[in-house]
Structure formats: C-alpha cells, structure tokens
C-alpha cells in the first residue's frame, strides 16, 4: 500500500481523505499495526488505481505461511531477523523509480532501462 501511494506521490493524509480515514489510521495500516479488511482493501485498490490482486502479487512463502489460517500457537514467528529487507520498500528504490518516470523521452527511458538490466546482470564466473 505504501509503495503504491508513494509512487503516485500521494500523502497519507490525502489517501485517508479519499477513503474516509485519518492519516494516523493509514499509518497504522502501512506499518502493519492494524489489519486491512476486505472492504477497505477494495477502497484502497480503487483510490490507488490497482486491481485487488496487486496487494498480494509479490507475497513470498514466508509471508503467506503467516496467514491466520496457517497459524497455530507453535508456528507464530513475530519477527524474521535473518530475512533481508524487501528492496521495494527502500527509499532508494522509490527515488529511482520516480526519477526514471520523470525522464520525458520514451527512447531515453528505454535505454536507461536496458542499461540498468545490463548492469544488474551478474557476470559469469571464470
């Protein structure tokens, strides 16, 4: 939710107003302090202009295993200290995406995309 809101350049306050909440409630949703109900998720998908499935697309196995339907008293894991942070939530990623979309020329934007893919490809070991 935060990623999409930020990519749209929308403040928590503006998002809250659009769905009838305070920015504090939006903060709680984004931090994971409060669960988001299905009807609220529907509202969010409309305001953020994404399909409902957007919120579940990149869910990893660790996260999906923490679904309430999969939890028992013995499987609850409050934190994952060994798990690396999701790069999609880093400020650097958000700034990069914003800068990329500010490139006016589609040709230049495509070249930057191709350059980034090339630089991000690991070199074969000798």
C-alpha atoms as a PDB file:
ATOM      1  CA  UNK A   1       0.000   0.000   0.000  1.00  0.00           C
ATOM      2  CA  UNK A   2       2.758   2.438   0.978  1.00  0.00           C
ATOM      3  CA  UNK A   3       4.762   1.662  -2.150  1.00  0.00           C
ATOM      4  CA  UNK A   4       1.864   2.403  -4.482  1.00  0.00           C
ATOM      5  CA  UNK A   5       0.818   5.512  -2.546  1.00  0.00           C
ATOM      6  CA  UNK A   6       4.375   6.836  -2.636  1.00  0.00           C
ATOM      7  CA  UNK A   7       4.818   6.057  -6.325  1.00  0.00           C
ATOM      8  CA  UNK A   8       1.685   8.102  -7.003  1.00  0.00           C
ATOM      9  CA  UNK A   9       3.098  10.960  -4.928  1.00  0.00           C
ATOM     10  CA  UNK A  10       0.094  10.767  -2.605  1.00  0.00           C
ATOM     11  CA  UNK A  11       0.347  11.743   1.044  1.00  0.00           C
ATOM     12  CA  UNK A  12      -1.084   9.616   3.841  1.00  0.00           C
ATOM     13  CA  UNK A  13      -3.466  12.454   4.588  1.00  0.00           C
ATOM     14  CA  UNK A  14      -4.768  12.595   1.014  1.00  0.00           C
ATOM     15  CA  UNK A  15      -5.203   8.817   0.885  1.00  0.00           C
ATOM     16  CA  UNK A  16      -7.028   8.882   4.206  1.00  0.00           C
ATOM     17  CA  UNK A  17      -9.388  11.600   2.982  1.00  0.00           C
ATOM     18  CA  UNK A  18     -10.134   9.612  -0.169  1.00  0.00           C
ATOM     19  CA  UNK A  19     -11.248   6.567   1.825  1.00  0.00           C
ATOM     20  CA  UNK A  20     -12.705   8.357   4.845  1.00  0.00           C
ATOM     21  CA  UNK A  21      -9.898   7.775   7.360  1.00  0.00           C
ATOM     22  CA  UNK A  22      -7.372   9.844   9.269  1.00  0.00           C
ATOM     23  CA  UNK A  23      -3.732   9.786   8.227  1.00  0.00           C
ATOM     24  CA  UNK A  24      -2.977   8.068  11.554  1.00  0.00           C
ATOM     25  CA  UNK A  25      -5.145   5.111  10.503  1.00  0.00           C
ATOM     26  CA  UNK A  26      -3.352   4.973   7.147  1.00  0.00           C
ATOM     27  CA  UNK A  27      -0.044   4.920   9.070  1.00  0.00           C
ATOM     28  CA  UNK A  28      -1.266   2.001  11.155  1.00  0.00           C
ATOM     29  CA  UNK A  29      -2.239   0.086   8.014  1.00  0.00           C
ATOM     30  CA  UNK A  30       1.124   0.779   6.391  1.00  0.00           C
ATOM     31  CA  UNK A  31       3.109  -0.254   9.473  1.00  0.00           C
ATOM     32  CA  UNK A  32       1.046  -3.410   9.814  1.00  0.00           C
ATOM     33  CA  UNK A  33      -0.232  -2.386  13.254  1.00  0.00           C
ATOM     34  CA  UNK A  34      -3.826  -2.834  12.033  1.00  0.00           C
ATOM     35  CA  UNK A  35      -5.172  -5.375   9.600  1.00  0.00           C
ATOM     36  CA  UNK A  36      -6.892  -4.200   6.461  1.00  0.00           C
ATOM     37  CA  UNK A  37     -10.345  -5.667   5.951  1.00  0.00           C
ATOM     38  CA  UNK A  38     -11.590  -6.786   2.551  1.00  0.00           C
ATOM     39  CA  UNK A  39     -13.927  -3.828   2.021  1.00  0.00           C
ATOM     40  CA  UNK A  40     -11.159  -1.374   2.972  1.00  0.00           C
ATOM     41  CA  UNK A  41      -8.758  -3.175   0.629  1.00  0.00           C
ATOM     42  CA  UNK A  42     -11.341  -2.727  -2.108  1.00  0.00           C
ATOM     43  CA  UNK A  43     -11.499   1.018  -1.358  1.00  0.00           C
ATOM     44  CA  UNK A  44      -7.707   1.236  -1.414  1.00  0.00           C
ATOM     45  CA  UNK A  45      -7.472  -0.560  -4.747  1.00  0.00           C
ATOM     46  CA  UNK A  46      -9.909   1.936  -6.275  1.00  0.00           C
ATOM     47  CA  UNK A  47      -8.131   5.018  -4.903  1.00  0.00           C
ATOM     48  CA  UNK A  48      -4.654   3.702  -5.738  1.00  0.00           C
ATOM     49  CA  UNK A  49      -5.855   2.573  -9.174  1.00  0.00           C
ATOM     50  CA  UNK A  50      -4.689  -1.041  -8.909  1.00  0.00           C
ATOM     51  CA  UNK A  51      -6.512  -4.377  -9.004  1.00  0.00           C
ATOM     52  CA  UNK A  52      -7.088  -6.084  -5.648  1.00  0.00           C
ATOM     53  CA  UNK A  53      -4.527  -8.733  -6.583  1.00  0.00           C
ATOM     54  CA  UNK A  54      -1.823  -6.041  -6.628  1.00  0.00           C
ATOM     55  CA  UNK A  55      -1.596  -6.249  -2.853  1.00  0.00           C
ATOM     56  CA  UNK A  56      -0.780  -9.970  -2.998  1.00  0.00           C
ATOM     57  CA  UNK A  57       1.360 -10.317  -6.150  1.00  0.00           C
ATOM     58  CA  UNK A  58       4.815 -10.436  -4.585  1.00  0.00           C
ATOM     59  CA  UNK A  59       3.905 -12.212  -1.364  1.00  0.00           C
ATOM     60  CA  UNK A  60       6.715 -14.596  -0.514  1.00  0.00           C
ATOM     61  CA  UNK A  61       6.259 -18.044   1.013  1.00  0.00           C
ATOM     62  CA  UNK A  62       7.336 -16.846   4.475  1.00  0.00           C
ATOM     63  CA  UNK A  63       4.655 -14.163   4.492  1.00  0.00           C
ATOM     64  CA  UNK A  64       1.899 -16.367   3.117  1.00  0.00           C
ATOM     65  CA  UNK A  65       2.762 -19.016   5.706  1.00  0.00           C
ATOM     66  CA  UNK A  66       1.949 -16.428   8.394  1.00  0.00           C
ATOM     67  CA  UNK A  67      -1.652 -16.193   7.193  1.00  0.00           C
ATOM     68  CA  UNK A  68      -4.031 -16.660  10.128  1.00  0.00           C
ATOM     69  CA  UNK A  69      -5.395 -19.813   8.517  1.00  0.00           C
ATOM     70  CA  UNK A  70      -1.900 -21.344   8.715  1.00  0.00           C
ATOM     71  CA  UNK A  71      -1.017 -20.224  12.241  1.00  0.00           C
ATOM     72  CA  UNK A  72      -1.084 -22.295  15.378  1.00  0.00           C
ATOM     73  CA  UNK A  73       0.387 -21.495  18.768  1.00  0.00           C
ATOM     74  CA  UNK A  74       3.584 -23.308  17.792  1.00  0.00           C
ATOM     75  CA  UNK A  75       4.137 -21.622  14.425  1.00  0.00           C
ATOM     76  CA  UNK A  76       3.868 -17.960  15.332  1.00  0.00           C
ATOM     77  CA  UNK A  77       7.010 -16.057  14.332  1.00  0.00           C
ATOM     78  CA  UNK A  78       6.837 -12.422  15.455  1.00  0.00           C
ATOM     79  CA  UNK A  79       9.986 -11.319  13.619  1.00  0.00           C
ATOM     80  CA  UNK A  80      12.334 -12.565  10.930  1.00  0.00           C
ATOM     81  CA  UNK A  81      15.745 -11.221  11.953  1.00  0.00           C
ATOM     82  CA  UNK A  82      17.598 -13.206   9.277  1.00  0.00           C
ATOM     83  CA  UNK A  83      15.357 -12.125   6.398  1.00  0.00           C
ATOM     84  CA  UNK A  84      16.776  -9.269   4.305  1.00  0.00           C
ATOM     85  CA  UNK A  85      14.625  -6.166   3.929  1.00  0.00           C
ATOM     86  CA  UNK A  86      12.471  -6.032   0.793  1.00  0.00           C
ATOM     87  CA  UNK A  87      14.283  -3.739  -1.669  1.00  0.00           C
ATOM     88  CA  UNK A  88      10.907  -2.454  -2.906  1.00  0.00           C
ATOM     89  CA  UNK A  89      10.353  -0.718   0.425  1.00  0.00           C
ATOM     90  CA  UNK A  90      13.676   1.136   0.437  1.00  0.00           C
ATOM     91  CA  UNK A  91      13.711   4.905  -0.141  1.00  0.00           C
ATOM     92  CA  UNK A  92      16.470   4.449  -2.732  1.00  0.00           C
ATOM     93  CA  UNK A  93      14.158   2.260  -4.837  1.00  0.00           C
ATOM     94  CA  UNK A  94      11.317   4.752  -4.651  1.00  0.00           C
ATOM     95  CA  UNK A  95      13.592   7.635  -5.642  1.00  0.00           C
ATOM     96  CA  UNK A  96      14.981   5.621  -8.539  1.00  0.00           C
ATOM     97  CA  UNK A  97      11.512   4.779  -9.849  1.00  0.00           C
ATOM     98  CA  UNK A  98      10.336   8.381  -9.520  1.00  0.00           C
ATOM     99  CA  UNK A  99      13.426   9.657 -11.346  1.00  0.00           C
ATOM    100  CA  UNK A 100      13.005   7.048 -14.061  1.00  0.00           C
ATOM    101  CA  UNK A 101       9.438   8.142 -14.790  1.00  0.00           C
ATOM    102  CA  UNK A 102      10.482  11.790 -14.897  1.00  0.00           C
ATOM    103  CA  UNK A 103      12.582  11.044 -17.991  1.00  0.00           C
ATOM    104  CA  UNK A 104      10.463  12.685 -20.699  1.00  0.00           C
ATOM    105  CA  UNK A 105      11.791  10.818 -23.732  1.00  0.00           C
ATOM    106  CA  UNK A 106      10.486   7.251 -24.109  1.00  0.00           C
ATOM    107  CA  UNK A 107      13.616   6.373 -26.082  1.00  0.00           C
ATOM    108  CA  UNK A 108      15.977   7.610 -23.367  1.00  0.00           C
ATOM    109  CA  UNK A 109      13.834   5.940 -20.687  1.00  0.00           C
ATOM    110  CA  UNK A 110      14.051   2.625 -22.571  1.00  0.00           C
ATOM    111  CA  UNK A 111      17.848   2.989 -22.887  1.00  0.00           C
ATOM    112  CA  UNK A 112      18.172   3.641 -19.157  1.00  0.00           C
ATOM    113  CA  UNK A 113      16.037   0.558 -18.530  1.00  0.00           C
ATOM    114  CA  UNK A 114      18.252  -1.586 -20.781  1.00  0.00           C
ATOM    115  CA  UNK A 115      21.419  -0.168 -19.165  1.00  0.00           C
ATOM    116  CA  UNK A 116      20.087  -0.968 -15.707  1.00  0.00           C
ATOM    117  CA  UNK A 117      19.218  -4.521 -16.730  1.00  0.00           C
ATOM    118  CA  UNK A 118      22.716  -4.973 -18.175  1.00  0.00           C
ATOM    119  CA  UNK A 119      24.448  -3.602 -15.095  1.00  0.00           C
ATOM    120  CA  UNK A 120      22.281  -5.733 -12.815  1.00  0.00           C
ATOM    121  CA  UNK A 121      23.092  -8.991 -14.622  1.00  0.00           C
ATOM    122  CA  UNK A 122      25.714 -10.983 -12.753  1.00  0.00           C
ATOM    123  CA  UNK A 123      28.875 -11.706 -14.704  1.00  0.00           C
ATOM    124  CA  UNK A 124      29.582 -15.385 -15.384  1.00  0.00           C
ATOM    125  CA  UNK A 125      32.270 -16.848 -13.171  1.00  0.00           C
ATOM    126  CA  UNK A 126      35.572 -17.702 -14.841  1.00  0.00           C
END
